[in-house]
Amino acid sequence: YFRIPRDVLVICQGKSTYARSGVIVNITPLEPEWEGHITIALANAGPRPVRVYSGEGIAQLIFIRAENHCEASYSDRRGKYQAQKGIQVSRV
């Protein structure tokens, strides 16, 4: 469960071992003042099956602190995935 401060943006990057096997990791940026459980999408773009093991580490989160607070945070905009717990299906 993450609670992102108002002056921080978090970006996810897939790790190279899985990327070399064709696994694509997608997590949208964690915007300032977003909170909840992260939803991770995995896709196998390679021609062969790939096993993903628990505890291996498939991605890294990069925390970027801004010099100033953002003008309109995810919380200010009442984002539809705020404070999500567990698996949340798309709310489109």
Protein backbone atom coordinates (compact mmCIF):
# COMPACT_ATOMS: atom_id res chain seq x y z
CA TYR A 1 0.00 0.00 0.00
CA PHE A 2 1.49 3.33 -1.07
CA ARG A 3 0.74 6.90 0.00
CA ILE A 4 2.55 9.21 -2.39
CA PRO A 5 3.44 12.68 -1.04
CA ARG A 6 2.25 15.79 -2.88
CA ASP A 7 5.77 16.59 -4.14
CA VAL A 8 6.62 13.09 -5.42
CA LEU A 9 5.95 11.22 -8.68
CA VAL A 10 6.73 7.50 -9.00
CA ILE A 11 7.56 5.78 -12.29
CA CYS A 12 7.89 2.02 -12.78
CA GLN A 13 10.49 0.41 -15.02
CA GLY A 14 10.60 -3.31 -15.87
CA LYS A 15 13.81 -5.17 -15.01
CA SER A 16 16.08 -6.34 -17.81
CA THR A 17 16.15 -10.08 -17.05
CA TYR A 18 12.43 -10.40 -17.70
CA ALA A 19 12.49 -7.84 -20.52
CA ARG A 20 15.07 -10.00 -22.34
CA SER A 21 12.60 -12.89 -22.04
CA GLY A 22 9.82 -10.82 -23.62
CA VAL A 23 7.96 -9.86 -20.43
CA ILE A 24 6.55 -6.35 -20.53
CA VAL A 25 5.67 -4.77 -17.18
CA ASN A 26 3.16 -1.94 -17.19
CA ILE A 27 2.28 0.21 -14.21
CA THR A 28 0.93 3.70 -14.71
CA PRO A 29 2.81 6.47 -12.89
CA LEU A 30 1.88 6.93 -9.24
CA GLU A 31 0.77 10.54 -9.18
CA PRO A 32 1.25 12.99 -6.30
CA GLU A 33 -1.16 12.18 -3.43
CA TRP A 34 -2.32 8.91 -4.95
CA GLU A 35 -2.70 6.07 -2.48
CA GLY A 36 -3.57 2.41 -2.76
CA HIS A 37 -2.34 -0.97 -3.93
CA ILE A 38 -0.53 -0.91 -7.26
CA THR A 39 -2.07 -2.75 -10.20
CA ILE A 40 0.58 -4.43 -12.35
CA ALA A 41 -0.05 -5.64 -15.90
CA LEU A 42 2.28 -8.27 -17.34
CA ALA A 43 2.40 -9.27 -21.01
CA ASN A 44 4.57 -11.85 -22.73
CA ALA A 45 5.65 -10.37 -26.07
CA GLY A 46 8.07 -13.20 -26.76
CA PRO A 47 7.48 -16.41 -28.70
CA ARG A 48 8.05 -18.75 -25.72
CA PRO A 49 6.30 -19.23 -22.36
CA VAL A 50 7.93 -17.43 -19.42
CA ARG A 51 7.64 -18.22 -15.73
CA VAL A 52 7.50 -15.32 -13.30
CA TYR A 53 8.53 -16.33 -9.79
CA SER A 54 7.32 -14.82 -6.53
CA GLY A 55 9.94 -12.65 -4.86
CA GLU A 56 12.14 -12.35 -7.97
CA GLY A 57 11.59 -8.66 -8.60
CA ILE A 58 10.11 -7.81 -11.99
CA ALA A 59 10.24 -4.03 -11.80
CA GLN A 60 11.78 -1.07 -10.01
CA LEU A 61 9.97 1.99 -8.74
CA ILE A 62 11.71 5.31 -9.30
CA PHE A 63 10.72 8.06 -6.85
CA ILE A 64 11.15 11.60 -8.17
CA ARG A 65 10.82 14.55 -5.81
CA ALA A 66 9.77 17.87 -7.31
CA GLU A 67 11.06 21.24 -6.17
CA ASN A 68 7.47 22.38 -5.58
CA HIS A 69 4.17 20.74 -4.78
CA CYS A 70 1.94 20.02 -7.77
CA GLU A 71 -0.97 22.38 -8.41
CA ALA A 72 -3.63 19.64 -8.70
CA SER A 73 -2.89 16.23 -7.18
CA TYR A 74 -4.63 12.93 -7.84
CA SER A 75 -6.51 13.42 -4.58
CA ASP A 76 -7.57 16.97 -5.53
CA ARG A 77 -9.02 15.62 -8.79
CA ARG A 78 -10.80 12.82 -6.89
CA GLY A 79 -9.17 10.10 -8.97
CA LYS A 80 -11.32 7.02 -9.43
CA TYR A 81 -8.69 4.61 -8.12
CA GLN A 82 -7.87 6.52 -4.93
CA ALA A 83 -7.37 4.25 -1.89
CA GLN A 84 -7.92 1.06 -3.90
CA LYS A 85 -7.33 -2.18 -2.05
CA GLY A 86 -6.71 -5.49 -3.74
CA ILE A 87 -7.36 -6.07 -7.42
CA GLN A 88 -9.41 -3.29 -9.01
CA VAL A 89 -10.92 -3.76 -12.46
CA SER A 90 -11.00 -0.91 -14.96
CA ARG A 91 -13.52 1.83 -14.26
CA VAL A 92 -13.69 3.14 -17.81
